[in-house]
C-alpha atoms as a PDB file:
ATOM      1  CA  MET A   1     -56.488 -29.517  22.485  1.00  0.00           C
ATOM      2  CA  THR A   2     -53.679 -27.357  20.939  1.00  0.00           C
ATOM      3  CA  LEU A   3     -51.970 -28.247  17.327  1.00  0.00           C
ATOM      4  CA  ILE A   4     -49.218 -29.870  19.384  1.00  0.00           C
ATOM      5  CA  GLY A   5     -51.674 -32.265  21.067  1.00  0.00           C
ATOM      6  CA  TYR A   6     -53.364 -33.172  18.112  1.00  0.00           C
ATOM      7  CA  LEU A   7     -49.943 -33.881  16.135  1.00  0.00           C
ATOM      8  CA  PHE A   8     -48.841 -35.736  19.224  1.00  0.00           C
ATOM      9  CA  TRP A   9     -52.035 -38.398  19.257  1.00  0.00           C
ATOM     10  CA  GLY A  10     -51.934 -38.548  15.665  1.00  0.00           C
ATOM     11  CA  ILE A  11     -48.266 -39.821  15.647  1.00  0.00           C
ATOM     12  CA  CYS A  12     -49.082 -42.249  18.241  1.00  0.00           C
ATOM     13  CA  LEU A  13     -52.087 -43.405  16.531  1.00  0.00           C
ATOM     14  CA  VAL A  14     -50.237 -43.619  13.227  1.00  0.00           C
ATOM     15  CA  ALA A  15     -47.246 -45.842  15.053  1.00  0.00           C
ATOM     16  CA  VAL A  16     -49.882 -48.051  16.486  1.00  0.00           C
ATOM     17  CA  ILE A  17     -51.892 -48.994  12.922  1.00  0.00           C
ATOM     18  CA  PHE A  18     -48.391 -49.237  11.301  1.00  0.00           C
ATOM     19  CA  THR A  19     -47.023 -51.994  13.935  1.00  0.00           C
ATOM     20  CA  PHE A  20     -50.295 -53.777  13.818  1.00  0.00           C
ATOM     21  CA  PHE A  21     -50.180 -54.079   9.741  1.00  0.00           C
ATOM     22  CA  ILE A  22     -46.319 -54.768   9.999  1.00  0.00           C
ATOM     23  CA  GLU A  23     -47.040 -57.499  12.436  1.00  0.00           C
ATOM     24  CA  LYS A  24     -50.041 -58.705  10.735  1.00  0.00           C
ATOM     25  CA  LYS A  25     -47.801 -59.007   7.368  1.00  0.00           C
ATOM     26  CA  LEU A  26     -44.577 -60.218   8.619  1.00  0.00           C
ATOM     27  CA  GLY A  27     -46.069 -62.201  11.567  1.00  0.00           C
ATOM     28  CA  THR A  28     -43.870 -63.878  14.294  1.00  0.00           C
ATOM     29  CA  THR A  29     -42.105 -67.358  14.022  1.00  0.00           C
ATOM     30  CA  PRO A  30     -41.850 -70.198  16.611  1.00  0.00           C
ATOM     31  CA  PRO A  31     -39.404 -70.133  19.093  1.00  0.00           C
ATOM     32  CA  TYR A  32     -36.463 -72.153  18.061  1.00  0.00           C
ATOM     33  CA  LYS A  33     -36.311 -75.398  20.271  1.00  0.00           C
ATOM     34  CA  THR A  34     -33.333 -77.624  20.207  1.00  0.00           C
ATOM     35  CA  GLU A  35     -33.360 -81.626  19.696  1.00  0.00           C
ATOM     36  CA  HIS A  36     -33.262 -81.942  23.799  1.00  0.00           C
ATOM     37  CA  GLN A  37     -36.254 -79.645  24.258  1.00  0.00           C
ATOM     38  CA  THR A  38     -38.268 -81.200  21.612  1.00  0.00           C
ATOM     39  CA  LEU A  39     -37.766 -84.707  23.185  1.00  0.00           C
ATOM     40  CA  TYR A  40     -38.608 -83.632  26.570  1.00  0.00           C
ATOM     41  CA  ASP A  41     -41.845 -81.996  25.593  1.00  0.00           C
ATOM     42  CA  GLU A  42     -42.675 -85.394  23.812  1.00  0.00           C
ATOM     43  CA  MET A  43     -41.724 -87.185  26.583  1.00  0.00           C
ATOM     44  CA  THR A  44     -43.963 -85.036  29.121  1.00  0.00           C
ATOM     45  CA  LYS A  45     -46.566 -85.500  26.486  1.00  0.00           C
ATOM     46  CA  ILE A  46     -46.563 -89.377  26.797  1.00  0.00           C
ATOM     47  CA  ASP A  47     -46.168 -89.270  30.524  1.00  0.00           C
ATOM     48  CA  ARG A  48     -49.324 -86.574  30.892  1.00  0.00           C
ATOM     49  CA  THR A  49     -51.384 -89.512  28.991  1.00  0.00           C
ATOM     50  CA  LEU A  50     -50.202 -92.430  31.055  1.00  0.00           C
ATOM     51  CA  VAL A  51     -51.169 -90.876  34.353  1.00  0.00           C
ATOM     52  CA  GLN A  52     -54.614 -89.714  32.713  1.00  0.00           C
ATOM     53  CA  ASN A  53     -55.676 -93.378  31.897  1.00  0.00           C
END
């Protein structure tokens, strides 16, 4: 491999490692749900438990 190849793959590897550690440090937040969505989720959970029993 030429010097350009080593440089290219080195930069790619550093970018992947950097994004992994930034994601690990900062983390992701759960998606924001409105009250309507939360109520719908709770109602479907109750409906599923009633159907299973």
